[in-house]
Amino acid sequence: MAKVYLKTNKVVAQHADVQGELENRAFEVGVRAEQILVEHRQDGHAEIDIEHGDIDYYVVLSDERGQKAALSIEYGREAGEYEVRDPETGELVTVEYGAMEGLYVLATASHLPKKRKGKVDLD
């Protein structure tokens, strides 16, 4: 009879060879993602970051310096509007924005299927 040790997965995941491979894969995905993002960048501030957690590596599409639109960049958005207060006059001004197709930067770079996040129909 085999015994399963709960800490075995963590020990294997923390092994230097496994961590090295994870770092290499994250770097490869990050480079592909940056290439895709650069092809579509206009005036944006979005960037690709690679972060290391306790065990895992993460490739992140970040737009913290810009309009915080990383989700829209990845998955797209529908047209809409929002109101903002004009700093000079104090009036509420309606700002409209157009629809945008998602670029699926991370999905494409990591060879994952392109799935738009959306509403779930429970009927």
C-alpha atoms as a PDB file:
ATOM      1  CA  MET A   1       0.000   0.000   0.000  1.00  0.00           C
ATOM      2  CA  ALA A   2       1.342   3.436  -0.963  1.00  0.00           C
ATOM      3  CA  LYS A   3       1.467   6.301   1.485  1.00  0.00           C
ATOM      4  CA  VAL A   4       0.742   9.858   0.333  1.00  0.00           C
ATOM      5  CA  TYR A   5       2.532  12.643   2.157  1.00  0.00           C
ATOM      6  CA  LEU A   6       0.801  16.021   2.050  1.00  0.00           C
ATOM      7  CA  LYS A   7       4.037  18.014   2.006  1.00  0.00           C
ATOM      8  CA  THR A   8       5.444  16.095  -0.981  1.00  0.00           C
ATOM      9  CA  ASN A   9       3.863  18.452  -3.553  1.00  0.00           C
ATOM     10  CA  LYS A  10       5.315  21.522  -1.826  1.00  0.00           C
ATOM     11  CA  VAL A  11       8.769  19.935  -1.535  1.00  0.00           C
ATOM     12  CA  VAL A  12       8.748  19.065  -5.233  1.00  0.00           C
ATOM     13  CA  ALA A  13       7.428  22.521  -6.207  1.00  0.00           C
ATOM     14  CA  GLN A  14      10.201  24.220  -4.220  1.00  0.00           C
ATOM     15  CA  HIS A  15      12.965  22.096  -5.756  1.00  0.00           C
ATOM     16  CA  ALA A  16      15.586  24.241  -7.510  1.00  0.00           C
ATOM     17  CA  ASP A  17      15.103  22.503 -10.877  1.00  0.00           C
ATOM     18  CA  VAL A  18      11.323  22.969 -10.752  1.00  0.00           C
ATOM     19  CA  GLN A  19      11.673  26.618  -9.721  1.00  0.00           C
ATOM     20  CA  GLY A  20      14.180  27.158 -12.530  1.00  0.00           C
ATOM     21  CA  GLU A  21      11.784  25.701 -15.086  1.00  0.00           C
ATOM     22  CA  LEU A  22       8.892  27.779 -13.747  1.00  0.00           C
ATOM     23  CA  GLU A  23      11.020  30.905 -14.019  1.00  0.00           C
ATOM     24  CA  ASN A  24      12.031  30.021 -17.593  1.00  0.00           C
ATOM     25  CA  ARG A  25       8.426  29.360 -18.647  1.00  0.00           C
ATOM     26  CA  ALA A  26       7.198  32.587 -17.037  1.00  0.00           C
ATOM     27  CA  PHE A  27       9.955  34.488 -18.834  1.00  0.00           C
ATOM     28  CA  GLU A  28       9.002  32.927 -22.195  1.00  0.00           C
ATOM     29  CA  VAL A  29       5.316  33.766 -21.707  1.00  0.00           C
ATOM     30  CA  GLY A  30       6.267  37.273 -20.546  1.00  0.00           C
ATOM     31  CA  VAL A  31       8.375  37.908 -23.650  1.00  0.00           C
ATOM     32  CA  ARG A  32       5.577  36.723 -25.971  1.00  0.00           C
ATOM     33  CA  ALA A  33       3.033  38.827 -24.066  1.00  0.00           C
ATOM     34  CA  GLU A  34       5.246  41.917 -24.306  1.00  0.00           C
ATOM     35  CA  GLN A  35       5.595  41.402 -28.074  1.00  0.00           C
ATOM     36  CA  ILE A  36       1.823  41.162 -28.474  1.00  0.00           C
ATOM     37  CA  LEU A  37       1.254  44.228 -26.289  1.00  0.00           C
ATOM     38  CA  VAL A  38       3.848  46.307 -28.164  1.00  0.00           C
ATOM     39  CA  GLU A  39       2.151  45.506 -31.503  1.00  0.00           C
ATOM     40  CA  HIS A  40      -1.076  47.093 -30.220  1.00  0.00           C
ATOM     41  CA  ARG A  41       0.191  49.840 -27.925  1.00  0.00           C
ATOM     42  CA  GLN A  42      -0.673  53.370 -28.866  1.00  0.00           C
ATOM     43  CA  ASP A  43      -0.370  55.841 -26.004  1.00  0.00           C
ATOM     44  CA  GLY A  44      -1.042  53.384 -23.213  1.00  0.00           C
ATOM     45  CA  HIS A  45       0.969  52.718 -20.126  1.00  0.00           C
ATOM     46  CA  ALA A  46       0.196  49.003 -19.871  1.00  0.00           C
ATOM     47  CA  GLU A  47       3.125  46.683 -19.288  1.00  0.00           C
ATOM     48  CA  ILE A  48       3.907  43.045 -18.675  1.00  0.00           C
ATOM     49  CA  ASP A  49       5.338  42.130 -15.280  1.00  0.00           C
ATOM     50  CA  ILE A  50       6.645  38.814 -14.011  1.00  0.00           C
ATOM     51  CA  GLU A  51       6.143  38.262 -10.311  1.00  0.00           C
ATOM     52  CA  HIS A  52       7.293  35.462  -8.043  1.00  0.00           C
ATOM     53  CA  GLY A  53       5.016  34.317  -5.242  1.00  0.00           C
ATOM     54  CA  ASP A  54       5.872  31.840  -2.509  1.00  0.00           C
ATOM     55  CA  ILE A  55       6.158  29.065  -5.083  1.00  0.00           C
ATOM     56  CA  ASP A  56       4.571  30.122  -8.377  1.00  0.00           C
ATOM     57  CA  TYR A  57       5.552  32.679 -10.990  1.00  0.00           C
ATOM     58  CA  TYR A  58       2.916  35.003 -12.427  1.00  0.00           C
ATOM     59  CA  VAL A  59       2.836  36.865 -15.727  1.00  0.00           C
ATOM     60  CA  VAL A  60       0.755  40.001 -15.153  1.00  0.00           C
ATOM     61  CA  LEU A  61      -0.766  42.541 -17.535  1.00  0.00           C
ATOM     62  CA  SER A  62      -0.542  45.745 -15.501  1.00  0.00           C
ATOM     63  CA  ASP A  63      -1.975  49.163 -16.296  1.00  0.00           C
ATOM     64  CA  GLU A  64      -1.458  50.694 -12.859  1.00  0.00           C
ATOM     65  CA  ARG A  65       0.304  53.739 -14.333  1.00  0.00           C
ATOM     66  CA  GLY A  66      -2.401  54.435 -16.906  1.00  0.00           C
ATOM     67  CA  GLN A  67      -6.169  54.090 -17.011  1.00  0.00           C
ATOM     68  CA  LYS A  68      -6.236  50.816 -15.058  1.00  0.00           C
ATOM     69  CA  ALA A  69      -7.676  49.164 -18.148  1.00  0.00           C
ATOM     70  CA  ALA A  70      -5.854  45.814 -18.040  1.00  0.00           C
ATOM     71  CA  LEU A  71      -9.115  43.869 -17.911  1.00  0.00           C
ATOM     72  CA  SER A  72     -10.460  45.760 -20.951  1.00  0.00           C
ATOM     73  CA  ILE A  73      -7.183  45.246 -22.788  1.00  0.00           C
ATOM     74  CA  GLU A  74      -7.296  41.493 -22.212  1.00  0.00           C
ATOM     75  CA  TYR A  75     -11.030  40.794 -22.688  1.00  0.00           C
ATOM     76  CA  GLY A  76     -12.412  43.877 -24.455  1.00  0.00           C
ATOM     77  CA  ARG A  77     -15.385  45.987 -23.426  1.00  0.00           C
ATOM     78  CA  GLU A  78     -18.797  47.087 -24.600  1.00  0.00           C
ATOM     79  CA  ALA A  79     -19.517  50.729 -25.429  1.00  0.00           C
ATOM     80  CA  GLY A  80     -20.701  52.800 -22.502  1.00  0.00           C
ATOM     81  CA  GLU A  81     -20.529  56.060 -20.662  1.00  0.00           C
ATOM     82  CA  TYR A  82     -19.724  57.455 -17.260  1.00  0.00           C
ATOM     83  CA  GLU A  83     -20.028  60.791 -15.526  1.00  0.00           C
ATOM     84  CA  VAL A  84     -17.153  62.822 -14.182  1.00  0.00           C
ATOM     85  CA  ARG A  85     -17.124  66.196 -12.473  1.00  0.00           C
ATOM     86  CA  ASP A  86     -15.369  68.981 -14.417  1.00  0.00           C
ATOM     87  CA  PRO A  87     -12.683  70.323 -12.055  1.00  0.00           C
ATOM     88  CA  GLU A  88     -13.070  73.912 -13.326  1.00  0.00           C
ATOM     89  CA  THR A  89     -16.865  74.271 -13.425  1.00  0.00           C
ATOM     90  CA  GLY A  90     -17.988  71.547 -11.036  1.00  0.00           C
ATOM     91  CA  GLU A  91     -20.547  70.345 -13.580  1.00  0.00           C
ATOM     92  CA  LEU A  92     -21.143  66.679 -14.251  1.00  0.00           C
ATOM     93  CA  VAL A  93     -19.949  65.784 -17.737  1.00  0.00           C
ATOM     94  CA  THR A  94     -20.876  62.566 -19.522  1.00  0.00           C
ATOM     95  CA  VAL A  95     -17.939  60.787 -21.121  1.00  0.00           C
ATOM     96  CA  GLU A  96     -18.700  58.177 -23.762  1.00  0.00           C
ATOM     97  CA  TYR A  97     -16.338  55.417 -24.790  1.00  0.00           C
ATOM     98  CA  GLY A  98     -16.550  52.939 -27.639  1.00  0.00           C
ATOM     99  CA  ALA A  99     -16.528  49.198 -27.691  1.00  0.00           C
ATOM    100  CA  MET A 100     -13.170  47.483 -27.911  1.00  0.00           C
ATOM    101  CA  GLU A 101     -12.228  43.954 -28.908  1.00  0.00           C
ATOM    102  CA  GLY A 102     -10.021  42.175 -26.411  1.00  0.00           C
ATOM    103  CA  LEU A 103      -6.395  41.578 -27.337  1.00  0.00           C
ATOM    104  CA  TYR A 104      -6.113  38.396 -25.219  1.00  0.00           C
ATOM    105  CA  VAL A 105      -2.463  39.203 -24.597  1.00  0.00           C
ATOM    106  CA  LEU A 106      -1.965  36.763 -21.720  1.00  0.00           C
ATOM    107  CA  ALA A 107      -4.154  34.022 -23.176  1.00  0.00           C
ATOM    108  CA  THR A 108      -2.342  34.128 -26.508  1.00  0.00           C
ATOM    109  CA  ALA A 109       1.117  34.344 -24.956  1.00  0.00           C
ATOM    110  CA  SER A 110       0.461  31.372 -22.702  1.00  0.00           C
ATOM    111  CA  HIS A 111      -1.293  29.328 -25.431  1.00  0.00           C
ATOM    112  CA  LEU A 112      -4.581  29.243 -23.504  1.00  0.00           C
ATOM    113  CA  PRO A 113      -8.032  29.438 -25.105  1.00  0.00           C
ATOM    114  CA  LYS A 114      -9.465  32.922 -25.569  1.00  0.00           C
ATOM    115  CA  LYS A 115     -12.518  33.182 -23.327  1.00  0.00           C
ATOM    116  CA  ARG A 116     -14.341  36.384 -22.642  1.00  0.00           C
ATOM    117  CA  LYS A 117     -15.448  36.776 -19.079  1.00  0.00           C
ATOM    118  CA  GLY A 118     -19.084  37.663 -18.935  1.00  0.00           C
ATOM    119  CA  LYS A 119     -22.446  37.236 -17.393  1.00  0.00           C
ATOM    120  CA  VAL A 120     -23.625  33.762 -16.544  1.00  0.00           C
ATOM    121  CA  ASP A 121     -27.162  32.837 -17.568  1.00  0.00           C
ATOM    122  CA  LEU A 122     -28.640  30.739 -14.765  1.00  0.00           C
ATOM    123  CA  ASP A 123     -31.839  29.820 -16.635  1.00  0.00           C
END
